[in-house]
Protein backbone atom coordinates (compact mmCIF):
# COMPACT_ATOMS: atom_id res chain seq x y z
CA MET A 1 -13.96 102.58 7.88
CA ASN A 2 -15.24 105.68 9.68
CA LYS A 3 -14.96 103.92 13.05
CA ILE A 4 -11.36 102.94 12.35
CA LYS A 5 -10.63 106.50 11.23
CA TYR A 6 -12.14 108.01 14.38
CA LEU A 7 -10.34 105.50 16.59
CA SER A 8 -7.03 106.38 14.93
CA ILE A 9 -7.65 110.09 15.52
CA ILE A 10 -8.50 109.45 19.17
CA LEU A 11 -5.35 107.38 19.63
CA ILE A 12 -3.24 110.10 18.02
CA ILE A 13 -4.79 112.75 20.29
CA LEU A 14 -4.20 110.58 23.38
CA GLY A 15 -0.60 110.03 22.30
CA MET A 16 -0.06 113.78 21.92
CA ILE A 17 -1.58 114.42 25.35
CA LEU A 18 0.74 111.87 26.95
CA LEU A 19 3.71 113.31 25.08
CA LEU A 20 2.95 116.87 26.19
CA TYR A 21 1.88 116.04 29.76
CA SER A 22 5.37 115.90 31.26
CA PRO A 23 6.80 119.16 29.81
CA ILE A 24 3.59 121.09 30.51
CA SER A 25 3.41 119.76 34.08
CA ASN A 26 7.06 120.61 34.63
CA TYR A 27 6.49 124.13 33.31
CA ILE A 28 3.50 124.64 35.64
CA ASN A 29 5.40 123.23 38.61
CA GLN A 30 8.41 125.47 37.99
CA LYS A 31 6.13 128.48 37.63
CA ASN A 32 4.57 127.64 41.01
CA GLN A 33 8.03 127.20 42.53
CA ASN A 34 9.09 130.62 41.23
CA GLU A 35 5.99 132.25 42.72
CA ILE A 36 6.63 130.69 46.15
CA ILE A 37 10.30 131.74 46.00
CA LYS A 38 9.25 135.29 45.06
CA ASP A 39 6.79 135.44 47.97
CA TYR A 40 9.45 134.08 50.32
CA GLY A 41 11.94 136.74 49.20
CA GLN A 42 9.39 139.51 49.70
CA LYS A 43 8.57 138.20 53.18
CA ILE A 44 12.25 138.23 54.15
CA LYS A 45 12.66 141.82 52.88
CA SER A 46 9.58 143.03 54.75
CA THR A 47 10.54 141.36 58.05
CA GLN A 48 12.46 143.42 60.59
CA SER A 49 16.17 142.58 60.70
CA ARG A 50 15.86 142.01 64.46
CA LEU A 51 13.34 139.21 63.89
CA ILE A 52 15.51 137.66 61.16
CA GLU A 53 18.50 137.69 63.54
CA GLU A 54 16.42 136.03 66.27
CA GLU A 55 15.30 133.34 63.84
CA LEU A 56 18.89 132.74 62.78
CA LYS A 57 20.07 132.49 66.41
CA LYS A 58 17.44 129.86 67.15
CA ALA A 59 18.53 127.86 64.11
CA ILE A 60 22.21 128.11 65.14
CA LYS A 61 21.32 126.90 68.63
CA TYR A 62 19.32 124.02 67.15
CA ASN A 63 22.28 122.91 65.04
CA GLN A 64 24.65 123.17 67.97
CA ASN A 65 22.37 120.99 70.10
CA LEU A 66 22.05 118.52 67.23
CA PHE A 67 25.83 118.19 66.96
CA GLU A 68 26.26 117.88 70.74
CA GLU A 69 23.29 115.46 70.89
CA ASN A 70 21.37 117.69 73.31
CA GLU A 71 17.60 118.20 73.42
CA ASN A 72 16.10 121.15 71.55
CA ASP A 73 13.50 123.37 73.20
CA VAL A 74 12.05 124.82 69.98
CA PRO A 75 10.03 122.38 67.80
CA TYR A 76 11.62 121.61 64.44
CA SER A 77 8.54 122.74 62.47
CA GLU A 78 8.75 126.26 63.98
CA LEU A 79 12.36 126.89 62.93
CA LEU A 80 13.13 128.74 59.67
CA ASN A 81 9.37 128.93 59.12
CA ILE A 82 9.14 132.68 58.78
CA ASN A 83 6.05 132.58 56.55
CA LYS A 84 4.30 129.85 58.57
CA ASP A 85 3.89 127.73 55.43
CA GLY A 86 6.67 125.16 55.89
CA VAL A 87 9.04 126.91 53.48
CA MET A 88 12.64 127.01 54.75
CA GLY A 89 14.18 128.68 51.73
CA TYR A 90 15.23 127.51 48.29
CA ILE A 91 18.07 125.81 46.44
CA GLU A 92 19.69 126.81 43.15
CA ILE A 93 21.75 124.46 40.95
CA PRO A 94 22.88 126.48 37.89
CA LYS A 95 24.48 123.47 36.14
CA ILE A 96 21.05 121.86 35.64
CA ASN A 97 19.01 125.10 35.61
CA LEU A 98 17.21 124.22 38.82
CA LYS A 99 15.58 126.44 41.44
CA LEU A 100 13.38 124.68 43.99
CA VAL A 101 11.67 125.44 47.29
CA ILE A 102 13.01 123.71 50.42
CA TYR A 103 10.33 122.44 52.81
CA HIS A 104 10.44 121.01 56.32
CA GLY A 105 10.51 117.22 56.44
CA THR A 106 10.57 114.47 53.85
CA ASN A 107 7.05 113.01 53.79
CA GLU A 108 5.58 111.98 50.45
CA GLU A 109 3.36 115.04 50.10
CA THR A 110 6.35 117.33 50.61
CA LEU A 111 8.55 115.49 48.10
CA LYS A 112 5.87 115.73 45.42
CA LYS A 113 6.03 119.51 45.42
CA GLY A 114 9.68 120.32 46.11
CA VAL A 115 12.82 119.50 48.06
CA GLY A 116 12.57 118.19 51.61
CA HIS A 117 14.96 118.85 54.49
CA LEU A 118 15.87 115.72 56.45
CA GLU A 119 14.70 116.50 59.98
CA LYS A 120 17.61 114.86 61.83
CA SER A 121 20.18 116.78 59.79
CA SER A 122 21.45 120.34 60.44
CA LEU A 123 19.21 123.21 59.45
CA PRO A 124 20.43 124.76 56.14
CA ILE A 125 22.13 127.86 57.56
CA GLY A 126 25.77 126.76 57.27
CA GLY A 127 28.31 127.01 60.06
CA LYS A 128 30.99 124.75 61.53
CA SER A 129 29.99 121.23 62.55
CA SER A 130 26.86 121.28 60.41
CA TYR A 131 25.65 118.87 57.74
CA THR A 132 22.44 119.68 55.91
CA VAL A 133 20.72 116.89 53.99
CA LEU A 134 18.18 117.80 51.29
CA THR A 135 16.18 115.13 49.49
CA GLY A 136 14.08 115.11 46.33
CA HIS A 137 12.34 112.70 43.99
CA SER A 138 13.60 111.72 40.54
CA GLY A 139 11.52 110.64 37.57
CA LEU A 140 8.21 112.26 38.51
CA LYS A 141 6.12 113.06 35.43
CA GLN A 142 4.64 116.21 36.95
CA ALA A 143 7.94 117.67 38.24
CA LYS A 144 11.62 117.05 37.56
CA ILE A 145 12.80 117.90 41.11
CA PHE A 146 16.16 116.03 41.35
CA THR A 147 15.81 114.03 38.09
CA ARG A 148 18.92 115.66 36.57
CA LEU A 149 21.05 115.44 39.70
CA GLU A 150 23.24 112.77 38.05
CA GLU A 151 24.57 115.42 35.66
CA LEU A 152 26.52 117.12 38.44
CA LYS A 153 30.28 116.62 38.64
CA ASN A 154 32.92 117.34 41.25
CA GLY A 155 33.64 121.07 41.27
CA ASP A 156 30.09 122.12 40.35
CA ARG A 157 28.35 124.58 42.67
CA PHE A 158 24.93 124.74 44.28
CA TYR A 159 23.43 127.47 46.45
CA ILE A 160 21.11 127.39 49.45
CA ASN A 161 19.13 130.58 50.14
CA VAL A 162 17.76 130.99 53.67
CA LEU A 163 16.75 134.12 55.63
CA GLY A 164 18.41 136.34 53.06
CA LEU A 165 21.69 134.39 53.23
CA LYS A 166 23.11 132.74 50.11
CA LEU A 167 25.34 129.79 50.97
CA GLU A 168 27.61 128.41 48.25
CA TYR A 169 28.66 124.75 48.19
CA LYS A 170 31.19 123.05 45.93
CA VAL A 171 30.58 119.41 44.99
CA PHE A 172 33.42 117.17 46.18
CA SER A 173 31.84 113.70 46.22
CA ILE A 174 29.18 111.82 44.25
CA GLU A 175 28.18 108.38 45.51
CA LYS A 176 25.62 105.66 44.83
CA VAL A 177 24.84 103.70 47.96
CA LEU A 178 22.20 101.39 49.41
CA PRO A 179 19.44 103.08 51.46
CA THR A 180 21.00 101.67 54.63
CA GLU A 181 24.46 103.05 53.89
CA ILE A 182 24.01 106.51 55.39
CA GLU A 183 27.07 106.58 57.64
CA GLY A 184 28.59 109.27 55.42
CA LEU A 185 25.81 111.75 56.29
CA LYS A 186 26.79 112.18 59.94
CA ILE A 187 27.80 115.65 61.12
CA GLN A 188 31.56 116.10 61.03
CA GLU A 189 33.28 118.35 63.54
CA ASP A 190 34.30 121.77 62.16
CA GLU A 191 33.04 120.89 58.66
CA ASP A 192 30.30 122.85 56.85
CA LEU A 193 28.66 120.35 54.49
CA ALA A 194 25.46 119.80 52.53
CA ALA A 195 24.21 116.71 50.71
CA LEU A 196 21.61 116.34 47.97
CA VAL A 197 19.94 112.92 47.94
CA THR A 198 17.65 111.18 45.46
CA CYS A 199 16.68 107.66 44.42
CA THR A 200 18.49 105.85 41.61
CA PRO A 201 18.19 104.28 39.05
CA ILE A 202 15.07 106.21 38.06
CA GLY A 203 11.99 104.00 38.29
CA ILE A 204 13.86 101.21 40.09
CA ASN A 205 15.04 103.14 43.16
CA THR A 206 17.21 100.41 44.70
CA HIS A 207 20.01 102.86 45.59
CA ARG A 208 20.51 106.45 46.69
CA LEU A 209 22.50 109.04 44.77
CA ILE A 210 24.29 111.35 47.21
CA VAL A 211 25.90 114.55 45.97
CA LYS A 212 28.04 116.10 48.69
CA GLY A 213 29.09 119.74 48.79
CA LYS A 214 31.50 121.69 50.98
CA ARG A 215 30.86 125.34 51.88
CA VAL A 216 33.10 127.84 50.07
């Protein structure tokens, strides 16, 4: 009887741990995100405006070359990397109470800790003939990332913060497509666009959810 009693207690404790793991992990992850965002903001404020302007000019040139399909002289990893830690900036989505760090690239390690910037898309600084693509995981137990992206509707806003700039985008299209159907993410002349991409359905991941925003 005692063994059964102890086993039941252990199972209850394990159940509680599993139940609490996700919210606790999400809380810790968001706290870490907030700390990185705070450090990033302080770095921007303490950096000379001349250096910020130079960084912005290099990013504008990169985007122009990308649109015109010209070669870029400055390596991708060195652009918008003011703190030398891979942080480009951060994204805010008020509708789903989300604030996440944007990192260079979309490798698995990056997507476990935040939002990744798709390397072959425009750098997230806005401007005509630019199309920024940001990607994030859904359904991770340790971090929500883009799990609630499906709650967005046309007309909702999201904000990209880079080099002290705050760019506002209004959602105008929400699509579910196959991973190969990425034609709609090509840069469009004179348009200032941004797309948020994640896998769907959660846990199955056969399609991609693409939330498109236009700069306002």
